[in-house]
N, C-alpha and C. Protein backbone atom coordinates (compact mmCIF):
# COMPACT_ATOMS: atom_id res chain seq x y z
N ALA A 1 128.59 98.77 144.71
CA ALA A 1 127.42 98.73 145.26
C ALA A 1 126.15 98.78 144.43
N ILE A 2 125.17 98.25 144.62
CA ILE A 2 124.04 98.17 143.91
C ILE A 2 122.81 98.93 144.82
N ALA A 3 121.98 99.74 144.40
CA ALA A 3 120.80 100.43 144.91
C ALA A 3 119.67 100.11 144.17
N MET A 4 118.76 99.44 144.66
CA MET A 4 117.42 99.11 144.02
C MET A 4 116.15 99.01 144.97
N SER A 5 115.06 99.31 144.40
CA SER A 5 113.76 99.04 145.14
C SER A 5 113.35 97.63 144.86
N VAL A 6 112.86 97.07 146.05
CA VAL A 6 112.26 95.65 145.66
C VAL A 6 111.17 95.53 146.81
N ARG A 7 110.19 94.62 146.25
CA ARG A 7 108.99 94.44 147.06
C ARG A 7 109.40 93.32 148.06
N PRO A 8 108.70 93.15 149.20
CA PRO A 8 108.86 91.85 149.93
C PRO A 8 108.66 90.79 149.18
N GLY A 9 109.65 89.72 149.31
CA GLY A 9 109.67 88.59 148.50
C GLY A 9 111.02 87.82 148.81
N ARG A 10 111.23 86.90 147.91
CA ARG A 10 112.58 86.01 147.85
C ARG A 10 113.33 86.61 146.59
N TYR A 11 114.65 86.78 146.98
CA TYR A 11 115.71 87.27 146.13
C TYR A 11 116.88 86.50 146.31
N MET A 12 117.61 86.66 145.11
CA MET A 12 118.89 85.89 145.18
C MET A 12 119.94 86.77 144.72
N VAL A 13 121.22 86.88 145.38
CA VAL A 13 122.22 87.61 144.84
C VAL A 13 123.40 86.60 144.50
N VAL A 14 123.83 86.72 143.35
CA VAL A 14 125.09 85.90 142.91
C VAL A 14 126.13 86.76 142.75
N ALA A 15 127.13 86.44 143.45
CA ALA A 15 128.62 87.23 143.55
C ALA A 15 129.55 86.30 142.99
N HIS A 16 130.44 86.79 142.05
CA HIS A 16 131.58 86.07 141.51
C HIS A 16 132.59 86.93 140.97
N SER A 17 133.89 86.62 140.98
CA SER A 17 134.82 87.33 140.42
C SER A 17 134.91 87.47 138.84
N SER A 18 135.09 88.68 138.48
CA SER A 18 135.16 88.75 136.91
C SER A 18 136.42 87.92 136.25
N ASP A 19 137.43 87.75 137.10
CA ASP A 19 138.56 86.98 136.67
C ASP A 19 138.75 85.41 137.14
N GLY A 20 137.62 85.02 137.72
CA GLY A 20 137.59 83.50 138.18
C GLY A 20 138.32 83.31 139.50
N ALA A 21 138.88 84.45 140.23
CA ALA A 21 139.57 84.27 141.44
C ALA A 21 138.68 83.96 142.65
N SER A 22 139.21 83.28 143.63
CA SER A 22 138.15 83.25 144.84
C SER A 22 138.41 84.31 145.80
N GLY A 23 137.35 84.43 146.95
CA GLY A 23 137.66 85.28 147.95
C GLY A 23 136.54 85.40 148.70
N GLU A 24 136.23 86.50 149.48
CA GLU A 24 135.26 86.56 150.34
C GLU A 24 134.19 87.74 149.83
N VAL A 25 132.98 87.51 150.11
CA VAL A 25 131.99 88.39 149.80
C VAL A 25 131.17 88.72 151.01
N VAL A 26 130.77 90.12 151.29
CA VAL A 26 129.90 90.56 152.23
C VAL A 26 128.71 91.23 151.59
N ILE A 27 127.65 90.69 151.88
CA ILE A 27 126.26 91.11 151.22
C ILE A 27 125.46 91.97 152.40
N SER A 28 125.13 93.08 152.27
CA SER A 28 124.15 93.62 153.46
C SER A 28 123.01 94.10 152.68
N VAL A 29 121.91 94.24 153.52
CA VAL A 29 120.59 94.69 152.82
C VAL A 29 120.25 95.91 153.99
N THR A 30 119.87 97.02 153.22
CA THR A 30 119.58 98.29 153.96
C THR A 30 118.50 98.98 153.30
N ASP A 31 117.55 99.46 154.20
CA ASP A 31 116.46 100.41 153.88
C ASP A 31 117.15 101.75 153.62
N MET A 32 117.08 102.13 152.19
CA MET A 32 117.72 103.37 151.91
C MET A 32 117.14 104.50 152.32
N GLU A 33 115.85 104.54 152.66
CA GLU A 33 115.14 105.69 153.48
C GLU A 33 115.50 106.01 154.61
N THR A 34 115.69 104.98 155.58
CA THR A 34 115.77 105.12 157.02
C THR A 34 117.35 104.75 157.22
N LEU A 35 118.14 104.15 156.30
CA LEU A 35 119.57 103.74 156.44
C LEU A 35 119.58 102.65 157.59
N GLU A 36 118.53 101.78 157.89
CA GLU A 36 118.45 100.87 158.88
C GLU A 36 118.61 99.58 158.20
N PRO A 37 119.17 98.52 158.88
CA PRO A 37 119.19 97.29 158.32
C PRO A 37 117.58 96.55 158.17
N LEU A 38 117.38 95.91 157.06
CA LEU A 38 115.95 95.31 157.14
C LEU A 38 115.92 94.03 158.01
N ARG A 39 114.69 93.74 158.32
CA ARG A 39 114.56 92.45 159.08
C ARG A 39 114.35 91.36 157.87
N ILE A 40 115.42 90.35 158.02
CA ILE A 40 115.37 89.18 157.32
C ILE A 40 114.92 88.12 157.92
N ILE A 41 113.97 87.17 157.53
CA ILE A 41 113.70 86.11 158.30
C ILE A 41 114.25 84.83 157.69
N ASN A 42 114.94 84.85 156.59
CA ASN A 42 115.74 83.65 156.27
C ASN A 42 116.95 84.26 155.28
N LEU A 43 118.02 83.69 155.37
CA LEU A 43 119.25 84.02 154.61
C LEU A 43 120.05 82.97 154.48
N SER A 44 120.49 82.50 153.22
CA SER A 44 121.34 81.36 153.07
C SER A 44 122.50 81.64 152.05
N THR A 45 123.49 80.84 152.15
CA THR A 45 124.77 80.95 151.40
C THR A 45 125.02 79.61 150.80
N ARG A 46 125.37 79.58 149.62
CA ARG A 46 125.77 78.23 148.73
C ARG A 46 127.18 78.51 148.41
N ALA A 47 128.11 77.52 148.63
CA ALA A 47 129.37 77.49 148.21
C ALA A 47 129.99 76.05 148.04
N TYR A 48 131.24 76.00 147.29
CA TYR A 48 131.73 74.58 147.10
C TYR A 48 132.76 74.59 148.26
N VAL A 49 132.91 73.54 148.98
CA VAL A 49 133.89 73.44 149.92
C VAL A 49 134.93 72.28 149.64
N ASP A 50 136.01 72.60 149.48
CA ASP A 50 137.14 71.56 149.03
C ASP A 50 138.08 71.03 150.14
N ASN A 51 138.31 71.88 151.19
CA ASN A 51 139.23 71.41 152.17
C ASN A 51 139.08 72.29 153.55
N ALA A 52 139.82 72.05 154.47
CA ALA A 52 139.72 72.94 155.73
C ALA A 52 140.10 74.30 155.46
N GLN A 53 140.59 74.84 154.42
CA GLN A 53 140.97 76.06 154.14
C GLN A 53 139.70 76.89 153.54
N ALA A 54 138.89 76.19 152.88
CA ALA A 54 137.76 76.90 152.02
C ALA A 54 136.42 76.40 152.45
N LEU A 55 136.13 76.97 153.77
CA LEU A 55 134.76 76.45 154.45
C LEU A 55 133.58 77.54 154.12
N VAL A 56 132.59 77.29 154.36
CA VAL A 56 131.40 78.28 154.13
C VAL A 56 131.08 78.87 155.46
N HIS A 57 131.13 80.24 155.38
CA HIS A 57 130.83 81.02 156.67
C HIS A 57 129.51 81.84 156.34
N GLY A 58 128.58 82.02 157.20
CA GLY A 58 127.36 82.65 157.28
C GLY A 58 127.23 83.52 158.30
N GLY A 59 127.26 84.78 158.19
CA GLY A 59 127.28 85.85 159.45
C GLY A 59 126.00 86.06 159.68
N LEU A 60 125.74 86.40 160.91
CA LEU A 60 124.35 86.74 161.68
C LEU A 60 124.46 87.72 162.54
N VAL A 61 123.75 88.92 162.37
CA VAL A 61 123.66 90.03 163.40
C VAL A 61 122.21 89.99 164.05
N ILE A 62 122.38 89.74 165.24
CA ILE A 62 121.04 89.86 165.97
C ILE A 62 121.05 91.33 166.69
N GLN A 63 119.88 91.96 166.35
CA GLN A 63 119.95 93.27 166.94
C GLN A 63 118.48 93.40 167.93
N GLY A 64 118.55 94.57 168.59
CA GLY A 64 117.39 94.75 169.51
C GLY A 64 117.84 94.46 170.92
N VAL A 65 116.75 94.26 171.68
CA VAL A 65 116.97 93.97 173.25
C VAL A 65 116.59 92.55 173.75
N GLY A 66 115.89 91.76 172.92
CA GLY A 66 115.46 90.61 173.25
C GLY A 66 116.23 89.47 172.56
N ARG A 67 115.93 88.26 172.87
CA ARG A 67 116.33 87.03 172.34
C ARG A 67 115.73 86.89 170.75
N GLU A 68 116.48 86.35 169.93
CA GLU A 68 116.01 86.02 168.59
C GLU A 68 116.04 84.45 168.57
N HIS A 69 115.06 83.86 168.14
CA HIS A 69 115.00 82.38 167.98
C HIS A 69 115.15 81.91 166.73
N VAL A 70 116.15 81.14 166.23
CA VAL A 70 116.51 80.84 164.82
C VAL A 70 116.82 79.24 164.81
N VAL A 71 116.73 78.88 163.42
CA VAL A 71 117.21 77.44 163.27
C VAL A 71 118.43 77.80 162.21
N VAL A 72 119.56 77.34 162.45
CA VAL A 72 120.69 77.07 161.58
C VAL A 72 120.85 75.84 160.87
N ARG A 73 120.89 75.72 159.64
CA ARG A 73 120.91 74.52 158.92
C ARG A 73 122.00 74.42 157.71
N ALA A 74 122.35 73.21 157.64
CA ALA A 74 123.48 73.16 156.15
C ALA A 74 122.84 71.90 155.51
N LYS A 75 122.64 72.18 154.27
CA LYS A 75 122.38 71.21 153.24
C LYS A 75 123.50 70.66 152.52
N GLY A 76 123.30 69.40 152.04
CA GLY A 76 124.38 68.79 151.37
C GLY A 76 123.66 67.85 150.65
N PRO A 77 123.27 66.60 151.02
CA PRO A 77 122.82 65.44 150.44
C PRO A 77 121.51 65.69 149.83
N SER A 78 120.71 66.74 150.33
CA SER A 78 119.39 67.03 149.75
C SER A 78 119.28 67.87 148.58
N LEU A 79 120.58 68.60 148.22
CA LEU A 79 120.69 69.39 147.15
C LEU A 79 120.68 68.52 145.93
N PRO A 80 119.93 69.00 144.80
CA PRO A 80 119.93 68.36 143.68
C PRO A 80 120.89 68.54 142.73
N LEU A 81 122.27 68.39 143.27
CA LEU A 81 123.46 68.48 142.53
C LEU A 81 124.39 67.19 142.55
N ALA A 82 125.02 67.07 141.50
CA ALA A 82 126.07 65.67 141.40
C ALA A 82 127.14 66.00 142.30
N ASN A 83 127.61 67.26 142.68
CA ASN A 83 128.57 67.51 143.64
C ASN A 83 128.36 67.89 144.93
N ALA A 84 127.18 67.51 145.49
CA ALA A 84 126.64 67.95 146.82
C ALA A 84 127.60 67.46 147.75
N MET A 85 127.83 68.12 148.94
CA MET A 85 128.63 67.57 150.01
C MET A 85 127.78 66.46 150.68
N PRO A 86 128.35 65.17 150.73
CA PRO A 86 127.71 64.01 151.33
C PRO A 86 127.38 64.22 152.83
N ASP A 87 128.12 64.82 153.51
CA ASP A 87 128.03 64.91 155.08
C ASP A 87 128.51 66.29 155.68
N PRO A 88 127.74 67.17 155.56
CA PRO A 88 128.33 68.58 156.19
C PRO A 88 128.16 68.51 157.82
N LEU A 89 129.08 69.24 158.35
CA LEU A 89 129.21 69.43 159.70
C LEU A 89 128.97 71.01 160.01
N LEU A 90 128.16 71.46 160.93
CA LEU A 90 127.85 72.62 161.20
C LEU A 90 128.37 73.18 162.76
N LYS A 91 128.96 74.41 162.65
CA LYS A 91 129.47 74.89 163.91
C LYS A 91 129.09 76.32 163.93
N VAL A 92 128.46 76.87 165.12
CA VAL A 92 127.99 78.06 165.33
C VAL A 92 128.88 78.88 166.40
N TYR A 93 129.53 79.93 165.99
CA TYR A 93 130.38 80.77 166.82
C TYR A 93 129.85 82.05 167.35
N ASP A 94 130.08 82.62 168.51
CA ASP A 94 129.98 83.99 168.77
C ASP A 94 130.99 84.65 168.25
N SER A 95 131.01 86.01 168.74
CA SER A 95 131.92 86.86 168.17
C SER A 95 133.30 86.81 168.74
N VAL A 96 133.65 85.98 169.82
CA VAL A 96 134.97 86.00 170.43
C VAL A 96 136.00 85.53 169.46
N PRO A 97 135.98 84.36 168.70
CA PRO A 97 134.96 83.50 168.47
C PRO A 97 135.15 82.25 169.23
N ARG A 98 133.83 81.84 169.82
CA ARG A 98 133.83 80.57 170.73
C ARG A 98 132.82 79.91 170.14
N VAL A 99 133.01 78.44 170.01
CA VAL A 99 132.03 77.72 169.45
C VAL A 99 130.76 77.54 170.51
N ILE A 100 129.56 77.87 170.12
CA ILE A 100 128.43 77.76 170.92
C ILE A 100 127.73 76.57 170.72
N ASP A 101 127.70 75.92 169.42
CA ASP A 101 126.94 74.50 169.21
C ASP A 101 127.55 73.99 168.09
N VAL A 102 127.54 72.65 168.02
CA VAL A 102 128.02 71.92 166.75
C VAL A 102 127.05 70.71 166.49
N ASN A 103 126.85 70.39 165.38
CA ASN A 103 125.91 69.28 164.88
C ASN A 103 126.48 68.62 163.72
N ASP A 104 126.33 67.40 163.44
CA ASP A 104 126.75 66.64 162.27
C ASP A 104 125.29 66.13 161.61
N ASP A 105 124.45 65.41 162.44
CA ASP A 105 123.12 65.01 161.76
C ASP A 105 122.17 65.55 162.78
N TRP A 106 121.26 66.17 162.16
CA TRP A 106 120.19 66.77 162.84
C TRP A 106 119.49 66.17 163.79
N MET A 107 119.04 64.95 163.43
CA MET A 107 118.25 64.15 164.39
C MET A 107 118.90 63.59 165.56
N ASP A 108 120.29 63.72 165.65
CA ASP A 108 120.93 63.60 166.94
C ASP A 108 121.14 64.87 167.80
N HIS A 109 120.55 65.93 167.32
CA HIS A 109 120.68 67.10 168.07
C HIS A 109 119.57 67.21 169.20
N GLU A 110 119.89 67.90 170.22
CA GLU A 110 118.86 67.81 171.30
C GLU A 110 117.57 68.85 170.97
N THR A 111 117.82 69.62 169.93
CA THR A 111 116.63 70.43 169.52
C THR A 111 115.94 69.82 168.02
N ALA A 112 116.21 68.61 167.97
CA ALA A 112 115.58 68.03 166.72
C ALA A 112 114.04 67.93 166.70
N ALA A 113 113.29 67.74 167.85
CA ALA A 113 112.01 67.82 167.99
C ALA A 113 111.31 69.18 167.67
N LEU A 114 112.16 70.27 168.19
CA LEU A 114 111.71 71.64 167.86
C LEU A 114 111.70 71.79 166.52
N MET A 115 112.66 71.46 165.88
CA MET A 115 113.09 71.57 164.32
C MET A 115 111.91 71.32 163.69
N GLU A 116 111.57 69.96 163.91
CA GLU A 116 110.34 69.22 163.26
C GLU A 116 109.12 69.91 163.60
N GLU A 117 108.96 70.31 164.75
CA GLU A 117 107.66 70.96 165.30
C GLU A 117 107.40 72.29 164.42
N VAL A 118 108.51 73.13 164.29
CA VAL A 118 108.23 74.33 163.47
C VAL A 118 108.43 74.25 161.99
N GLY A 119 108.59 73.07 161.64
CA GLY A 119 108.73 72.81 160.13
C GLY A 119 110.06 73.22 159.41
N LEU A 120 111.11 73.20 160.20
CA LEU A 120 112.46 73.74 159.91
C LEU A 120 113.60 72.70 160.05
N ALA A 121 113.28 71.37 160.06
CA ALA A 121 114.14 70.32 160.11
C ALA A 121 114.73 70.04 158.73
N PRO A 122 115.99 69.71 158.64
CA PRO A 122 116.74 69.72 157.38
C PRO A 122 116.02 68.33 156.76
N PRO A 123 115.88 68.39 155.40
CA PRO A 123 115.35 67.34 154.69
C PRO A 123 115.98 65.89 154.70
N HIS A 124 117.18 66.02 154.94
CA HIS A 124 117.96 64.61 154.93
C HIS A 124 118.78 64.40 156.29
N PRO A 125 118.59 63.08 156.68
CA PRO A 125 119.23 62.72 157.99
C PRO A 125 120.75 63.03 158.16
N LYS A 126 121.61 63.28 157.04
CA LYS A 126 122.98 63.47 157.12
C LYS A 126 123.13 64.94 157.23
N GLU A 127 122.24 65.89 157.36
CA GLU A 127 122.49 67.30 157.04
C GLU A 127 122.21 67.67 158.73
N PRO A 128 123.10 68.77 159.13
CA PRO A 128 122.97 69.30 160.46
C PRO A 128 121.86 70.42 160.71
N GLY A 129 121.42 70.47 161.80
CA GLY A 129 120.52 71.66 162.13
C GLY A 129 120.75 71.91 163.61
N ILE A 130 120.38 73.10 163.75
CA ILE A 130 120.40 73.65 165.35
C ILE A 130 119.51 74.69 165.73
N ALA A 131 118.68 74.45 166.51
CA ALA A 131 117.82 75.50 167.07
C ALA A 131 118.42 76.45 168.03
N LEU A 132 118.53 77.69 168.02
CA LEU A 132 119.07 78.42 169.12
C LEU A 132 118.22 79.57 169.44
N SER A 133 118.38 79.99 170.67
CA SER A 133 117.84 81.36 171.24
C SER A 133 119.11 82.19 171.58
N LEU A 134 119.21 83.22 170.80
CA LEU A 134 120.37 84.19 170.78
C LEU A 134 120.15 85.61 171.17
N LEU A 135 121.00 85.86 171.99
CA LEU A 135 121.01 87.40 172.48
C LEU A 135 121.60 88.26 171.41
N PRO A 136 121.38 89.75 171.38
CA PRO A 136 121.85 90.51 170.33
C PRO A 136 123.19 90.40 170.58
N GLY A 137 123.82 90.29 169.10
CA GLY A 137 125.31 90.23 168.94
C GLY A 137 125.57 89.67 167.50
N LEU A 138 126.84 89.34 167.31
CA LEU A 138 127.43 88.67 166.19
C LEU A 138 127.63 87.29 166.30
N TYR A 139 127.24 86.62 165.26
CA TYR A 139 127.36 85.22 165.20
C TYR A 139 127.84 84.56 163.75
N THR A 140 128.47 83.53 163.59
CA THR A 140 128.87 82.95 162.58
C THR A 140 128.65 81.49 162.44
N ALA A 141 128.13 81.01 161.30
CA ALA A 141 127.67 79.59 161.11
C ALA A 141 128.81 79.28 160.04
N VAL A 142 129.44 78.08 160.53
CA VAL A 142 130.67 77.62 159.41
C VAL A 142 130.33 76.11 159.25
N VAL A 143 130.41 75.85 157.89
CA VAL A 143 130.15 74.41 157.54
C VAL A 143 131.31 73.97 156.88
N GLU A 144 131.63 72.71 157.32
CA GLU A 144 132.68 71.97 156.71
C GLU A 144 132.39 70.56 156.55
N PRO A 145 133.29 69.64 155.81
CA PRO A 145 132.88 68.33 155.57
C PRO A 145 133.24 67.56 156.82
N ALA A 146 132.12 66.75 157.34
CA ALA A 146 132.46 66.06 158.42
C ALA A 146 133.26 64.62 158.29
N ASP A 147 133.46 64.32 156.93
CA ASP A 147 134.08 63.19 156.51
C ASP A 147 135.10 63.39 155.56
N ALA A 148 135.52 64.84 155.50
CA ALA A 148 136.61 65.01 154.47
C ALA A 148 136.33 64.92 153.04
N GLN A 149 135.07 64.76 152.78
CA GLN A 149 134.48 64.79 151.28
C GLN A 149 134.08 66.21 150.87
N ALA A 150 134.50 66.72 149.97
CA ALA A 150 134.31 68.12 149.41
C ALA A 150 132.99 68.08 148.89
N GLY A 151 132.41 69.30 148.59
CA GLY A 151 131.00 69.37 147.78
C GLY A 151 130.45 70.68 147.93
N GLU A 152 129.48 70.85 147.24
CA GLU A 152 128.45 72.18 147.46
C GLU A 152 127.77 71.89 148.54
N THR A 153 127.64 72.95 149.22
CA THR A 153 126.76 73.08 150.47
C THR A 153 126.01 74.36 150.62
N VAL A 154 124.78 74.34 151.42
CA VAL A 154 124.19 75.62 151.56
C VAL A 154 124.14 75.77 153.05
N VAL A 155 124.44 76.90 153.61
CA VAL A 155 124.34 77.26 155.10
C VAL A 155 123.06 78.24 155.01
N SER A 156 122.23 77.96 156.03
CA SER A 156 121.01 78.98 156.14
C SER A 156 120.55 79.32 157.46
N VAL A 157 120.08 80.37 157.77
CA VAL A 157 119.65 80.87 159.04
C VAL A 157 118.14 81.18 159.04
N THR A 158 117.24 80.80 159.67
CA THR A 158 115.94 81.13 159.52
C THR A 158 115.30 81.28 160.74
N GLU A 159 114.45 82.52 160.95
CA GLU A 159 113.82 82.85 162.25
C GLU A 159 112.81 82.03 162.46
N ILE A 160 112.67 81.35 163.70
CA ILE A 160 111.38 80.59 164.06
C ILE A 160 110.28 81.53 164.19
N PRO A 161 109.13 81.15 163.64
CA PRO A 161 107.94 82.11 163.46
C PRO A 161 107.64 82.68 164.84
N ALA A 162 107.18 83.88 164.74
CA ALA A 162 106.90 84.44 165.96
C ALA A 162 105.55 83.58 166.63
N GLY A 163 105.36 83.84 167.81
CA GLY A 163 104.28 83.17 168.47
C GLY A 163 104.48 81.54 168.81
N THR A 164 105.51 81.01 168.18
CA THR A 164 105.70 79.60 168.33
C THR A 164 105.89 79.36 169.79
N ILE A 165 105.35 78.40 170.43
CA ILE A 165 105.57 78.08 171.71
C ILE A 165 106.52 76.78 171.81
N PHE A 166 107.60 76.94 172.52
CA PHE A 166 108.53 75.78 172.64
C PHE A 166 109.36 75.99 173.88
N ASP A 167 110.11 75.04 174.15
CA ASP A 167 111.15 75.10 175.37
C ASP A 167 112.37 74.88 174.66
N LEU A 168 113.34 75.81 174.62
CA LEU A 168 114.42 75.93 173.97
C LEU A 168 115.56 76.35 174.84
N LYS A 169 116.68 75.40 174.93
CA LYS A 169 117.80 75.86 175.72
C LYS A 169 118.32 77.13 175.30
N THR A 170 118.45 78.22 176.21
CA THR A 170 119.16 79.53 175.80
C THR A 170 120.48 79.67 175.77
N ILE A 171 121.16 80.21 174.92
CA ILE A 171 122.47 80.28 175.01
C ILE A 171 122.90 81.53 175.75
N GLU A 172 123.50 81.29 176.80
CA GLU A 172 123.97 82.39 177.88
C GLU A 172 125.13 83.34 177.58
N ILE A 173 125.72 83.11 176.20
CA ILE A 173 126.78 83.76 175.84
C ILE A 173 126.37 85.06 174.99
N GLU A 174 126.74 86.22 175.34
CA GLU A 174 126.43 87.22 174.69
C GLU A 174 127.25 87.39 173.48
N GLY A 175 126.68 88.00 172.33
CA GLY A 175 127.40 88.17 171.06
C GLY A 175 128.44 89.22 170.98
N ASN A 176 128.71 89.82 172.16
CA ASN A 176 129.61 90.93 172.08
C ASN A 176 129.82 91.72 170.92
N GLY A 177 128.80 92.17 170.33
CA GLY A 177 128.61 92.89 169.10
C GLY A 177 128.80 94.32 169.16
């Protein structure tokens, strides 16, 4: 564990094995004075996906009493990398785990106009994006290749700015968190 004081801003955590082995990493951010989780408005994870066994998972915990409005995205073609995943597929699961939404190309999703309106549309048409209104609970965003082509991808969850007026289909599945 690492304990450090930081000011509000953008930070990156890089985790890797000292012996080059692969595995899973869990990163949490906590206020050490109150021991409460901090409010994070954007969180992303980058990884290389090479087959159906090595997918990218991004966990999300919604706390409180009301719904949180978020956009979940996966980048691939817009990454400035030679080995970027050419066509990512995004699935969002609740804690059961049940698939609550799937997207391949963001412009084909029913929330495409909303993502554009709030400035959170993915930058490339082959990248998936989903706007969701989630009840408190545990959720997972999973990225896999839509066309079986491996590559680097980034999965991100971003809070839709407070005060944004929109009409968003609500997800009636509780997170069972």
